[in-house]
Amino acid sequence: MVPGSTALAARIVSRTPMRYRHGADPGEDRPAHVRAASGLVRFDGALVVVQDDAHFLGVVDAATGLTDPIALPPGPGGRRTFDRARGNKADKLDLEAAFALAGDDDDGGLLVAIGSGAPLGPRRSVVTVRRADSGWAAAVHALPRWFDAIAAALLPAGTSLNLEGAAVIGDQLIVANRGGDAGHGGIASPDALVATPLAAWRRLLDDPAAPLPPLAIRRLDAGALDGGALHVTDLASAHGRLWFLATAEATTSFFDDGPVAGSAIGVLAPAGERARWAPVTGADGAVAHDKLEGLAATDDARRWLAVIDPDDPDRPSELVELALDGDWLDDRP
């Protein structure tokens, strides 16, 4: 990748806390707000937020932030929220990315949320969600062979997988590994895009014993923001391009959070050989010290929706609108 372009700009023009429409539900182990938002996707006419520290998806009203929960199967002890204070952070699905597959007359489509693939608990699983007569139907699918294959092809010794983005481009499923996990001798895991034929991946989803689909891996270097290395936190496919978010966070662990210097939004050229990006700023023009983790397109290439993870279980995650300035789709050198 190339350094951020001074001809491009991205700023937050609105922030909306995401809170559950009917408040907390202790019986489902659900707090009153969306926490640890990690992905955002449009699916079947809805805007859906994914969370990494809670076994809930959420259907969000973009105007108000009011959210209707989609409960996922609980973890040990019936828990659906996970954090260090509870001592159960390793038990979560750790859903970090999502994408949608369109349906047809007989199939209403499929939302897929992907675990990080880290070597703890059930994180090498994916969740699928469909519309059902009674609302939403969710299922968990263990796919350790696929995650293991990516880890074997990509990672230096002693580092962990940390998939944090997913998008479909043509007939390919693209997932992004968020690098920076330190291994033996200080060697860190790389940021990378991993391409898998979508049809073969869907066969694996339907039958975990099916042949593993081939993988095509391309490493990325997102550069730095305010002296901190940028690592990919989400992908989105829109306007004929692959877009990404990346965050500069002071951590060398897939497991632990750290202070955030800021985030960036970027776009890859059609052939994928170049990227252009800009830091995300607040209304005052200064870099916003927020961890942007989920990205969803609108009909306007200059307007995007994203979610912020505050890394605080007591604070609601925020839905933000981004306004982009500059010629983002200009692919000239």
C-alpha atoms as a PDB file:
ATOM      1  CA  MET A   1       0.000   0.000   0.000  1.00  0.00           C
ATOM      2  CA  VAL A   2       0.994   3.630  -0.369  1.00  0.00           C
ATOM      3  CA  PRO A   3       0.883   6.276   2.359  1.00  0.00           C
ATOM      4  CA  GLY A   4      -2.347   8.117   3.017  1.00  0.00           C
ATOM      5  CA  SER A   5      -3.174  10.677   0.351  1.00  0.00           C
ATOM      6  CA  THR A   6      -3.357  14.365   1.257  1.00  0.00           C
ATOM      7  CA  ALA A   7      -5.911  14.755  -1.564  1.00  0.00           C
ATOM      8  CA  LEU A   8      -8.407  12.550   0.281  1.00  0.00           C
ATOM      9  CA  ALA A   9     -10.314  13.198   3.482  1.00  0.00           C
ATOM     10  CA  ALA A  10     -12.804  11.359   5.692  1.00  0.00           C
ATOM     11  CA  ARG A  11     -14.605  12.875   8.664  1.00  0.00           C
ATOM     12  CA  ILE A  12     -17.239  11.789  11.135  1.00  0.00           C
ATOM     13  CA  VAL A  13     -20.390  13.860  10.631  1.00  0.00           C
ATOM     14  CA  SER A  14     -22.668  12.098  13.121  1.00  0.00           C
ATOM     15  CA  ARG A  15     -22.435   9.730  16.084  1.00  0.00           C
ATOM     16  CA  THR A  16     -25.363   7.696  17.364  1.00  0.00           C
ATOM     17  CA  PRO A  17     -25.093   5.381  20.399  1.00  0.00           C
ATOM     18  CA  MET A  18     -26.653   1.969  19.756  1.00  0.00           C
ATOM     19  CA  ARG A  19     -29.025   0.882  22.521  1.00  0.00           C
ATOM     20  CA  TYR A  20     -31.505  -1.987  22.563  1.00  0.00           C
ATOM     21  CA  ARG A  21     -35.032  -0.834  21.926  1.00  0.00           C
ATOM     22  CA  HIS A  22     -36.432  -2.620  24.977  1.00  0.00           C
ATOM     23  CA  GLY A  23     -33.439  -2.210  27.256  1.00  0.00           C
ATOM     24  CA  ALA A  24     -31.530  -4.929  29.073  1.00  0.00           C
ATOM     25  CA  ASP A  25     -32.702  -8.521  29.450  1.00  0.00           C
ATOM     26  CA  PRO A  26     -30.930 -10.314  32.322  1.00  0.00           C
ATOM     27  CA  GLY A  27     -32.603 -13.599  31.355  1.00  0.00           C
ATOM     28  CA  GLU A  28     -30.774 -13.542  28.019  1.00  0.00           C
ATOM     29  CA  ASP A  29     -27.639 -12.009  29.570  1.00  0.00           C
ATOM     30  CA  ARG A  30     -28.098  -8.960  27.382  1.00  0.00           C
ATOM     31  CA  PRO A  31     -27.041  -5.466  28.475  1.00  0.00           C
ATOM     32  CA  ALA A  32     -29.005  -2.360  27.572  1.00  0.00           C
ATOM     33  CA  HIS A  33     -26.618  -1.370  24.782  1.00  0.00           C
ATOM     34  CA  VAL A  34     -24.623  -2.787  21.887  1.00  0.00           C
ATOM     35  CA  ARG A  35     -21.091  -3.465  23.098  1.00  0.00           C
ATOM     36  CA  ALA A  36     -17.872  -4.205  21.237  1.00  0.00           C
ATOM     37  CA  ALA A  37     -19.316  -3.564  17.769  1.00  0.00           C
ATOM     38  CA  SER A  38     -17.035  -5.304  15.299  1.00  0.00           C
ATOM     39  CA  GLY A  39     -18.846  -5.513  11.954  1.00  0.00           C
ATOM     40  CA  LEU A  40     -21.629  -3.883   9.963  1.00  0.00           C
ATOM     41  CA  VAL A  41     -23.515  -5.274   6.982  1.00  0.00           C
ATOM     42  CA  ARG A  42     -26.675  -4.643   5.003  1.00  0.00           C
ATOM     43  CA  PHE A  43     -28.789  -7.769   4.779  1.00  0.00           C
ATOM     44  CA  ASP A  44     -32.284  -8.310   3.416  1.00  0.00           C
ATOM     45  CA  GLY A  45     -33.216  -4.671   3.816  1.00  0.00           C
ATOM     46  CA  ALA A  46     -31.771  -4.381   7.331  1.00  0.00           C
ATOM     47  CA  LEU A  47     -28.610  -2.827   8.774  1.00  0.00           C
ATOM     48  CA  VAL A  48     -27.041  -5.455  11.040  1.00  0.00           C
ATOM     49  CA  VAL A  49     -24.286  -4.908  13.605  1.00  0.00           C
ATOM     50  CA  VAL A  50     -21.968  -7.712  14.742  1.00  0.00           C
ATOM     51  CA  GLN A  51     -20.390  -7.777  18.216  1.00  0.00           C
ATOM     52  CA  ASP A  52     -17.230  -9.581  19.302  1.00  0.00           C
ATOM     53  CA  ASP A  53     -17.843  -9.571  23.080  1.00  0.00           C
ATOM     54  CA  ALA A  54     -21.512 -10.564  22.962  1.00  0.00           C
ATOM     55  CA  HIS A  55     -23.480 -13.410  21.407  1.00  0.00           C
ATOM     56  CA  PHE A  56     -25.965 -11.065  19.781  1.00  0.00           C
ATOM     57  CA  LEU A  57     -26.344  -9.512  16.389  1.00  0.00           C
ATOM     58  CA  GLY A  58     -28.425  -6.364  16.190  1.00  0.00           C
ATOM     59  CA  VAL A  59     -30.780  -4.851  13.627  1.00  0.00           C
ATOM     60  CA  VAL A  60     -30.100  -1.121  13.862  1.00  0.00           C
ATOM     61  CA  ASP A  61     -32.308   1.834  13.035  1.00  0.00           C
ATOM     62  CA  ALA A  62     -29.712   4.142  11.483  1.00  0.00           C
ATOM     63  CA  ALA A  63     -31.677   7.270  12.391  1.00  0.00           C
ATOM     64  CA  THR A  64     -32.077   6.560  16.116  1.00  0.00           C
ATOM     65  CA  GLY A  65     -29.551   3.851  16.975  1.00  0.00           C
ATOM     66  CA  LEU A  66     -32.348   1.755  18.485  1.00  0.00           C
ATOM     67  CA  THR A  67     -31.442  -1.893  18.013  1.00  0.00           C
ATOM     68  CA  ASP A  68     -33.433  -5.117  17.972  1.00  0.00           C
ATOM     69  CA  PRO A  69     -31.356  -8.110  19.106  1.00  0.00           C
ATOM     70  CA  ILE A  70     -30.806 -11.407  17.333  1.00  0.00           C
ATOM     71  CA  ALA A  71     -29.768 -13.809  20.105  1.00  0.00           C
ATOM     72  CA  LEU A  72     -27.090 -16.379  19.272  1.00  0.00           C
ATOM     73  CA  PRO A  73     -26.486 -19.598  21.205  1.00  0.00           C
ATOM     74  CA  PRO A  74     -25.005 -18.854  24.645  1.00  0.00           C
ATOM     75  CA  GLY A  75     -21.572 -19.856  25.834  1.00  0.00           C
ATOM     76  CA  PRO A  76     -20.706 -21.858  28.969  1.00  0.00           C
ATOM     77  CA  GLY A  77     -23.007 -21.187  31.898  1.00  0.00           C
ATOM     78  CA  GLY A  78     -25.636 -19.654  29.639  1.00  0.00           C
ATOM     79  CA  ARG A  79     -23.551 -16.496  29.225  1.00  0.00           C
ATOM     80  CA  ARG A  80     -23.935 -14.266  26.176  1.00  0.00           C
ATOM     81  CA  THR A  81     -21.596 -11.454  27.227  1.00  0.00           C
ATOM     82  CA  PHE A  82     -17.882 -11.886  27.747  1.00  0.00           C
ATOM     83  CA  ASP A  83     -15.137  -9.752  29.271  1.00  0.00           C
ATOM     84  CA  ARG A  84     -12.061  -9.858  31.446  1.00  0.00           C
ATOM     85  CA  ALA A  85     -13.971  -8.956  34.622  1.00  0.00           C
ATOM     86  CA  ARG A  86     -16.175 -12.035  34.211  1.00  0.00           C
ATOM     87  CA  GLY A  87     -13.163 -14.185  33.441  1.00  0.00           C
ATOM     88  CA  ASN A  88     -14.848 -15.654  30.354  1.00  0.00           C
ATOM     89  CA  LYS A  89     -13.302 -13.672  27.523  1.00  0.00           C
ATOM     90  CA  ALA A  90     -11.847 -16.851  25.994  1.00  0.00           C
ATOM     91  CA  ASP A  91     -15.309 -18.449  25.708  1.00  0.00           C
ATOM     92  CA  LYS A  92     -16.759 -16.105  23.091  1.00  0.00           C
ATOM     93  CA  LEU A  93     -17.306 -16.733  19.377  1.00  0.00           C
ATOM     94  CA  ASP A  94     -15.358 -13.484  18.804  1.00  0.00           C
ATOM     95  CA  LEU A  95     -17.290 -12.528  15.685  1.00  0.00           C
ATOM     96  CA  GLU A  96     -15.242  -9.889  13.887  1.00  0.00           C
ATOM     97  CA  ALA A  97     -16.508  -9.724  10.286  1.00  0.00           C
ATOM     98  CA  ALA A  98     -19.689 -10.203   8.294  1.00  0.00           C
ATOM     99  CA  PHE A  99     -20.945 -10.353   4.736  1.00  0.00           C
ATOM    100  CA  ALA A 100     -24.278 -10.990   3.046  1.00  0.00           C
ATOM    101  CA  LEU A 101     -25.230 -13.382   0.259  1.00  0.00           C
ATOM    102  CA  ALA A 102     -28.272 -12.534  -1.832  1.00  0.00           C
ATOM    103  CA  GLY A 103     -31.030 -15.109  -2.166  1.00  0.00           C
ATOM    104  CA  ASP A 104     -33.476 -16.015  -4.911  1.00  0.00           C
ATOM    105  CA  ASP A 105     -37.179 -16.790  -5.092  1.00  0.00           C
ATOM    106  CA  ASP A 106     -36.725 -19.904  -2.961  1.00  0.00           C
ATOM    107  CA  ASP A 107     -34.017 -18.618  -0.646  1.00  0.00           C
ATOM    108  CA  GLY A 108     -34.121 -15.326   1.216  1.00  0.00           C
ATOM    109  CA  GLY A 109     -30.364 -14.989   1.408  1.00  0.00           C
ATOM    110  CA  LEU A 110     -27.803 -15.539   4.108  1.00  0.00           C
ATOM    111  CA  LEU A 111     -25.884 -13.349   6.523  1.00  0.00           C
ATOM    112  CA  VAL A 112     -22.523 -14.792   7.555  1.00  0.00           C
ATOM    113  CA  ALA A 113     -20.510 -13.617  10.584  1.00  0.00           C
ATOM    114  CA  ILE A 114     -16.962 -14.944  10.894  1.00  0.00           C
ATOM    115  CA  GLY A 115     -15.005 -15.620  14.060  1.00  0.00           C
ATOM    116  CA  SER A 116     -11.521 -14.216  14.444  1.00  0.00           C
ATOM    117  CA  GLY A 117      -9.908 -17.653  14.163  1.00  0.00           C
ATOM    118  CA  ALA A 118      -7.793 -17.070  17.256  1.00  0.00           C
ATOM    119  CA  PRO A 119      -6.754 -20.295  19.039  1.00  0.00           C
ATOM    120  CA  LEU A 120      -9.148 -19.888  21.971  1.00  0.00           C
ATOM    121  CA  GLY A 121     -12.564 -21.400  22.593  1.00  0.00           C
ATOM    122  CA  PRO A 122     -14.995 -21.485  19.645  1.00  0.00           C
ATOM    123  CA  ARG A 123     -13.374 -18.715  17.579  1.00  0.00           C
ATOM    124  CA  ARG A 124     -12.823 -20.919  14.519  1.00  0.00           C
ATOM    125  CA  SER A 125     -16.534 -20.905  13.773  1.00  0.00           C
ATOM    126  CA  VAL A 126     -18.933 -18.915  11.617  1.00  0.00           C
ATOM    127  CA  VAL A 127     -22.521 -17.935  12.319  1.00  0.00           C
ATOM    128  CA  THR A 128     -25.232 -17.908   9.656  1.00  0.00           C
ATOM    129  CA  VAL A 129     -28.506 -16.022   9.949  1.00  0.00           C
ATOM    130  CA  ARG A 130     -31.609 -16.352   7.772  1.00  0.00           C
ATOM    131  CA  ARG A 131     -35.035 -14.777   7.799  1.00  0.00           C
ATOM    132  CA  ALA A 132     -37.614 -17.162   9.237  1.00  0.00           C
ATOM    133  CA  ASP A 133     -41.378 -17.059   9.683  1.00  0.00           C
ATOM    134  CA  SER A 134     -40.851 -16.400  13.384  1.00  0.00           C
ATOM    135  CA  GLY A 135     -38.167 -13.738  12.876  1.00  0.00           C
ATOM    136  CA  TRP A 136     -34.504 -14.730  12.537  1.00  0.00           C
ATOM    137  CA  ALA A 137     -32.880 -18.167  12.564  1.00  0.00           C
ATOM    138  CA  ALA A 138     -29.208 -18.375  13.593  1.00  0.00           C
ATOM    139  CA  ALA A 139     -26.830 -21.349  13.467  1.00  0.00           C
ATOM    140  CA  VAL A 140     -23.192 -21.855  14.462  1.00  0.00           C
ATOM    141  CA  HIS A 141     -20.874 -23.825  12.152  1.00  0.00           C
ATOM    142  CA  ALA A 142     -17.456 -25.034  13.292  1.00  0.00           C
ATOM    143  CA  LEU A 143     -14.981 -24.722  10.401  1.00  0.00           C
ATOM    144  CA  PRO A 144     -11.608 -25.391  12.047  1.00  0.00           C
ATOM    145  CA  ARG A 145     -10.052 -26.888   8.891  1.00  0.00           C
ATOM    146  CA  TRP A 146     -10.549 -23.666   6.916  1.00  0.00           C
ATOM    147  CA  PHE A 147      -9.173 -21.458   9.685  1.00  0.00           C
ATOM    148  CA  ASP A 148      -6.284 -23.883  10.243  1.00  0.00           C
ATOM    149  CA  ALA A 149      -5.407 -23.764   6.531  1.00  0.00           C
ATOM    150  CA  ILE A 150      -5.266 -19.955   6.542  1.00  0.00           C
ATOM    151  CA  ALA A 151      -3.135 -19.929   9.690  1.00  0.00           C
ATOM    152  CA  ALA A 152      -0.718 -22.503   8.262  1.00  0.00           C
ATOM    153  CA  ALA A 153      -0.292 -20.571   5.011  1.00  0.00           C
ATOM    154  CA  LEU A 154       0.024 -17.126   6.555  1.00  0.00           C
ATOM    155  CA  LEU A 155       1.366 -16.974  10.091  1.00  0.00           C
ATOM    156  CA  PRO A 156       4.892 -16.885  11.521  1.00  0.00           C
ATOM    157  CA  ALA A 157       5.559 -19.219  14.437  1.00  0.00           C
ATOM    158  CA  GLY A 158       3.906 -18.239  17.691  1.00  0.00           C
ATOM    159  CA  THR A 159       1.436 -15.731  16.215  1.00  0.00           C
ATOM    160  CA  SER A 160      -2.325 -15.891  16.038  1.00  0.00           C
ATOM    161  CA  LEU A 161      -4.897 -15.558  13.311  1.00  0.00           C
ATOM    162  CA  ASN A 162      -7.177 -12.542  13.713  1.00  0.00           C
ATOM    163  CA  LEU A 163      -9.679 -12.295  10.845  1.00  0.00           C
ATOM    164  CA  GLU A 164     -11.400  -8.913  11.045  1.00  0.00           C
ATOM    165  CA  GLY A 165     -12.907  -8.267   7.625  1.00  0.00           C
ATOM    166  CA  ALA A 166     -14.903 -10.093   4.959  1.00  0.00           C
ATOM    167  CA  ALA A 167     -16.411  -9.162   1.601  1.00  0.00           C
ATOM    168  CA  VAL A 168     -17.511 -10.840  -1.614  1.00  0.00           C
ATOM    169  CA  ILE A 169     -15.956  -9.662  -4.879  1.00  0.00           C
ATOM    170  CA  GLY A 170     -17.320 -11.447  -7.931  1.00  0.00           C
ATOM    171  CA  ASP A 171     -16.966 -15.178  -7.296  1.00  0.00           C
ATOM    172  CA  GLN A 172     -14.432 -14.748  -4.476  1.00  0.00           C
ATOM    173  CA  LEU A 173     -14.812 -14.476  -0.717  1.00  0.00           C
ATOM    174  CA  ILE A 174     -12.116 -12.148   0.620  1.00  0.00           C
ATOM    175  CA  VAL A 175     -11.212 -12.174   4.317  1.00  0.00           C
ATOM    176  CA  ALA A 176      -8.681  -9.875   5.969  1.00  0.00           C
ATOM    177  CA  ASN A 177      -6.246 -10.826   8.679  1.00  0.00           C
ATOM    178  CA  ARG A 178      -5.498  -8.065  11.149  1.00  0.00           C
ATOM    179  CA  GLY A 179      -1.787  -8.289  11.789  1.00  0.00           C
ATOM    180  CA  GLY A 180       0.427  -7.146  14.631  1.00  0.00           C
ATOM    181  CA  ASP A 181       0.256 -10.173  16.936  1.00  0.00           C
ATOM    182  CA  ALA A 182       3.832 -10.642  18.197  1.00  0.00           C
ATOM    183  CA  GLY A 183       5.365 -14.100  18.040  1.00  0.00           C
ATOM    184  CA  HIS A 184       8.744 -15.708  18.564  1.00  0.00           C
ATOM    185  CA  GLY A 185      11.658 -13.305  18.309  1.00  0.00           C
ATOM    186  CA  GLY A 186       9.311 -10.342  18.018  1.00  0.00           C
ATOM    187  CA  ILE A 187       8.138 -11.349  14.531  1.00  0.00           C
ATOM    188  CA  ALA A 188       4.558 -10.164  14.073  1.00  0.00           C
ATOM    189  CA  SER A 189       1.669 -11.605  12.138  1.00  0.00           C
ATOM    190  CA  PRO A 190       1.025  -9.831   8.819  1.00  0.00           C
ATOM    191  CA  ASP A 191      -1.964  -7.969   7.525  1.00  0.00           C
ATOM    192  CA  ALA A 192      -3.223  -9.869   4.504  1.00  0.00           C
ATOM    193  CA  LEU A 193      -6.136 -10.486   2.167  1.00  0.00           C
ATOM    194  CA  VAL A 194      -7.089 -14.135   1.724  1.00  0.00           C
ATOM    195  CA  ALA A 195      -9.213 -15.043  -1.304  1.00  0.00           C
ATOM    196  CA  THR A 196     -11.306 -18.225  -1.450  1.00  0.00           C
ATOM    197  CA  PRO A 197     -13.650 -19.325  -4.276  1.00  0.00           C
ATOM    198  CA  LEU A 198     -17.081 -18.563  -2.878  1.00  0.00           C
ATOM    199  CA  ALA A 199     -18.814 -21.640  -4.315  1.00  0.00           C
ATOM    200  CA  ALA A 200     -16.221 -23.993  -2.822  1.00  0.00           C
ATOM    201  CA  TRP A 201     -16.434 -22.174   0.515  1.00  0.00           C
ATOM    202  CA  ARG A 202     -20.216 -22.569   0.587  1.00  0.00           C
ATOM    203  CA  ARG A 203     -19.830 -26.300  -0.032  1.00  0.00           C
ATOM    204  CA  LEU A 204     -17.523 -26.427   2.989  1.00  0.00           C
ATOM    205  CA  LEU A 205     -20.091 -24.511   5.021  1.00  0.00           C
ATOM    206  CA  ASP A 206     -22.753 -27.077   4.122  1.00  0.00           C
ATOM    207  CA  ASP A 207     -20.403 -30.023   4.671  1.00  0.00           C
ATOM    208  CA  PRO A 208     -17.386 -29.461   6.966  1.00  0.00           C
ATOM    209  CA  ALA A 209     -15.817 -32.653   5.551  1.00  0.00           C
ATOM    210  CA  ALA A 210     -15.850 -31.269   1.968  1.00  0.00           C
ATOM    211  CA  PRO A 211     -12.520 -30.554   0.235  1.00  0.00           C
ATOM    212  CA  LEU A 212     -10.827 -27.413   1.441  1.00  0.00           C
ATOM    213  CA  PRO A 213     -11.070 -24.606  -1.121  1.00  0.00           C
ATOM    214  CA  PRO A 214      -7.819 -23.130  -2.434  1.00  0.00           C
ATOM    215  CA  LEU A 215      -6.444 -19.973  -0.840  1.00  0.00           C
ATOM    216  CA  ALA A 216      -4.774 -17.016  -2.522  1.00  0.00           C
ATOM    217  CA  ILE A 217      -2.950 -14.770  -0.051  1.00  0.00           C
ATOM    218  CA  ARG A 218      -1.692 -11.238  -0.592  1.00  0.00           C
ATOM    219  CA  ARG A 219       0.042  -9.368   2.191  1.00  0.00           C
ATOM    220  CA  LEU A 220      -0.726  -5.731   2.887  1.00  0.00           C
ATOM    221  CA  ASP A 221       1.160  -2.888   4.510  1.00  0.00           C
ATOM    222  CA  ALA A 222      -1.316  -0.219   5.564  1.00  0.00           C
ATOM    223  CA  GLY A 223       1.379   2.152   6.742  1.00  0.00           C
ATOM    224  CA  ALA A 224       1.172   4.197   9.944  1.00  0.00           C
ATOM    225  CA  LEU A 225      -0.945   6.873  11.579  1.00  0.00           C
ATOM    226  CA  ASP A 226       0.566   9.216  14.162  1.00  0.00           C
ATOM    227  CA  GLY A 227       3.477   6.807  14.540  1.00  0.00           C
ATOM    228  CA  GLY A 228       1.316   3.734  15.124  1.00  0.00           C
ATOM    229  CA  ALA A 229       1.066   0.880  12.623  1.00  0.00           C
ATOM    230  CA  LEU A 230      -2.310   0.591  10.925  1.00  0.00           C
ATOM    231  CA  HIS A 231      -3.921  -2.852  10.910  1.00  0.00           C
ATOM    232  CA  VAL A 232      -7.017  -3.841   8.944  1.00  0.00           C
ATOM    233  CA  THR A 233     -10.273  -3.968  10.933  1.00  0.00           C
ATOM    234  CA  ASP A 234     -12.913  -4.456   8.215  1.00  0.00           C
ATOM    235  CA  LEU A 235     -13.630  -4.863   4.495  1.00  0.00           C
ATOM    236  CA  ALA A 236     -16.558  -3.829   2.311  1.00  0.00           C
ATOM    237  CA  SER A 237     -17.323  -4.313  -1.362  1.00  0.00           C
ATOM    238  CA  ALA A 238     -19.036  -1.336  -3.043  1.00  0.00           C
ATOM    239  CA  HIS A 239     -18.891   0.926  -6.075  1.00  0.00           C
ATOM    240  CA  GLY A 240     -16.726  -1.574  -7.948  1.00  0.00           C
ATOM    241  CA  ARG A 241     -13.953  -1.520  -5.352  1.00  0.00           C
ATOM    242  CA  LEU A 242     -12.752  -3.248  -2.210  1.00  0.00           C
ATOM    243  CA  TRP A 243     -12.767  -0.800   0.715  1.00  0.00           C
ATOM    244  CA  PHE A 244     -11.165  -1.240   4.123  1.00  0.00           C
ATOM    245  CA  LEU A 245     -10.883   0.198   7.599  1.00  0.00           C
ATOM    246  CA  ALA A 246      -7.642   0.099   9.555  1.00  0.00           C
ATOM    247  CA  THR A 247      -6.781   1.173  13.104  1.00  0.00           C
ATOM    248  CA  ALA A 248      -3.554   2.156  14.852  1.00  0.00           C
ATOM    249  CA  GLU A 249      -3.832   0.534  18.283  1.00  0.00           C
ATOM    250  CA  ALA A 250      -1.002   0.144  20.775  1.00  0.00           C
ATOM    251  CA  THR A 251      -1.146  -3.602  21.264  1.00  0.00           C
ATOM    252  CA  THR A 252       0.950  -6.551  20.111  1.00  0.00           C
ATOM    253  CA  SER A 253      -1.688  -9.136  21.044  1.00  0.00           C
ATOM    254  CA  PHE A 254      -4.776 -10.502  19.315  1.00  0.00           C
ATOM    255  CA  PHE A 255      -6.317 -10.811  22.808  1.00  0.00           C
ATOM    256  CA  ASP A 256      -5.567  -7.487  24.519  1.00  0.00           C
ATOM    257  CA  ASP A 257      -6.750  -3.994  23.618  1.00  0.00           C
ATOM    258  CA  GLY A 258      -4.642  -0.851  23.773  1.00  0.00           C
ATOM    259  CA  PRO A 259      -4.761   2.930  23.344  1.00  0.00           C
ATOM    260  CA  VAL A 260      -5.991   3.956  19.882  1.00  0.00           C
ATOM    261  CA  ALA A 261      -4.182   6.650  17.889  1.00  0.00           C
ATOM    262  CA  GLY A 262      -6.868   6.703  15.213  1.00  0.00           C
ATOM    263  CA  SER A 263      -8.401   4.899  12.258  1.00  0.00           C
ATOM    264  CA  ALA A 264      -8.326   5.205   8.484  1.00  0.00           C
ATOM    265  CA  ILE A 265     -10.604   4.341   5.573  1.00  0.00           C
ATOM    266  CA  GLY A 266      -9.122   3.235   2.275  1.00  0.00           C
ATOM    267  CA  VAL A 267      -9.931   1.811  -1.131  1.00  0.00           C
ATOM    268  CA  LEU A 268      -8.056  -0.639  -3.336  1.00  0.00           C
ATOM    269  CA  ALA A 269      -7.698  -0.119  -7.069  1.00  0.00           C
ATOM    270  CA  PRO A 270      -9.671  -2.609  -9.226  1.00  0.00           C
ATOM    271  CA  ALA A 271      -6.619  -4.775  -9.872  1.00  0.00           C
ATOM    272  CA  GLY A 272      -5.762  -4.618  -6.180  1.00  0.00           C
ATOM    273  CA  GLU A 273      -2.193  -3.456  -6.634  1.00  0.00           C
ATOM    274  CA  ARG A 274      -2.608  -0.006  -5.047  1.00  0.00           C
ATOM    275  CA  ALA A 275      -4.495   1.471  -2.138  1.00  0.00           C
ATOM    276  CA  ARG A 276      -5.464   5.012  -1.253  1.00  0.00           C
ATOM    277  CA  TRP A 277      -6.505   5.986   2.265  1.00  0.00           C
ATOM    278  CA  ALA A 278      -7.095   8.877   4.606  1.00  0.00           C
ATOM    279  CA  PRO A 279      -7.296   9.178   8.394  1.00  0.00           C
ATOM    280  CA  VAL A 280     -10.757   9.559   9.888  1.00  0.00           C
ATOM    281  CA  THR A 281     -11.147  12.942  11.562  1.00  0.00           C
ATOM    282  CA  GLY A 282     -13.700  14.565  13.810  1.00  0.00           C
ATOM    283  CA  ALA A 283     -15.636  17.737  13.049  1.00  0.00           C
ATOM    284  CA  ASP A 284     -12.640  19.797  14.221  1.00  0.00           C
ATOM    285  CA  GLY A 285     -10.382  18.264  11.586  1.00  0.00           C
ATOM    286  CA  ALA A 286      -8.190  16.441  14.105  1.00  0.00           C
ATOM    287  CA  VAL A 287      -7.689  12.692  13.853  1.00  0.00           C
ATOM    288  CA  ALA A 288     -10.419  10.967  15.878  1.00  0.00           C
ATOM    289  CA  HIS A 289      -9.039   8.575  18.497  1.00  0.00           C
ATOM    290  CA  ASP A 290     -11.691   5.949  17.770  1.00  0.00           C
ATOM    291  CA  LYS A 291     -11.444   2.296  16.794  1.00  0.00           C
ATOM    292  CA  LEU A 292     -13.586   1.915  13.686  1.00  0.00           C
ATOM    293  CA  GLU A 293     -14.330  -1.754  13.127  1.00  0.00           C
ATOM    294  CA  GLY A 294     -17.361  -2.116  10.846  1.00  0.00           C
ATOM    295  CA  LEU A 295     -18.039  -0.545   7.449  1.00  0.00           C
ATOM    296  CA  ALA A 296     -21.190  -0.438   5.302  1.00  0.00           C
ATOM    297  CA  ALA A 297     -21.754   1.397   2.043  1.00  0.00           C
ATOM    298  CA  THR A 298     -24.565   3.730   1.088  1.00  0.00           C
ATOM    299  CA  ASP A 299     -25.718   4.551  -2.438  1.00  0.00           C
ATOM    300  CA  ASP A 300     -23.348   7.531  -2.378  1.00  0.00           C
ATOM    301  CA  ALA A 301     -19.633   6.651  -2.594  1.00  0.00           C
ATOM    302  CA  ARG A 302     -18.919   9.738  -0.482  1.00  0.00           C
ATOM    303  CA  ARG A 303     -21.132   8.626   2.422  1.00  0.00           C
ATOM    304  CA  TRP A 304     -20.438   5.565   4.554  1.00  0.00           C
ATOM    305  CA  LEU A 305     -21.673   4.064   7.794  1.00  0.00           C
ATOM    306  CA  ALA A 306     -19.274   2.590  10.321  1.00  0.00           C
ATOM    307  CA  VAL A 307     -19.304   1.375  13.917  1.00  0.00           C
ATOM    308  CA  ILE A 308     -16.968   2.278  16.756  1.00  0.00           C
ATOM    309  CA  ASP A 309     -15.841  -0.174  19.434  1.00  0.00           C
ATOM    310  CA  PRO A 310     -15.066   1.826  22.614  1.00  0.00           C
ATOM    311  CA  ASP A 311     -13.316  -1.165  24.262  1.00  0.00           C
ATOM    312  CA  ASP A 312     -15.411  -0.522  27.362  1.00  0.00           C
ATOM    313  CA  PRO A 313     -18.248  -2.928  28.260  1.00  0.00           C
ATOM    314  CA  ASP A 314     -20.133  -0.134  30.044  1.00  0.00           C
ATOM    315  CA  ARG A 315     -20.232   2.195  27.039  1.00  0.00           C
ATOM    316  CA  PRO A 316     -22.516   1.726  24.026  1.00  0.00           C
ATOM    317  CA  SER A 317     -20.870   1.249  20.680  1.00  0.00           C
ATOM    318  CA  GLU A 318     -21.630   4.036  18.220  1.00  0.00           C
ATOM    319  CA  LEU A 319     -22.945   4.089  14.673  1.00  0.00           C
ATOM    320  CA  VAL A 320     -21.215   6.878  12.755  1.00  0.00           C
ATOM    321  CA  GLU A 321     -21.672   8.460   9.370  1.00  0.00           C
ATOM    322  CA  LEU A 322     -18.525   9.264   7.414  1.00  0.00           C
ATOM    323  CA  ALA A 323     -18.293  11.971   4.745  1.00  0.00           C
ATOM    324  CA  LEU A 324     -15.507  11.456   2.199  1.00  0.00           C
ATOM    325  CA  ASP A 325     -13.928  14.300   0.231  1.00  0.00           C
ATOM    326  CA  GLY A 326     -11.643  13.966  -2.776  1.00  0.00           C
ATOM    327  CA  ASP A 327     -11.661  11.723  -5.824  1.00  0.00           C
ATOM    328  CA  TRP A 328     -11.593   8.354  -4.095  1.00  0.00           C
ATOM    329  CA  LEU A 329     -12.315   6.373  -7.258  1.00  0.00           C
ATOM    330  CA  ASP A 330      -9.556   7.971  -9.322  1.00  0.00           C
ATOM    331  CA  ASP A 331      -7.089   5.138 -10.001  1.00  0.00           C
ATOM    332  CA  ARG A 332      -4.409   7.176 -11.718  1.00  0.00           C
ATOM    333  CA  PRO A 333      -0.928   6.894 -10.154  1.00  0.00           C
END
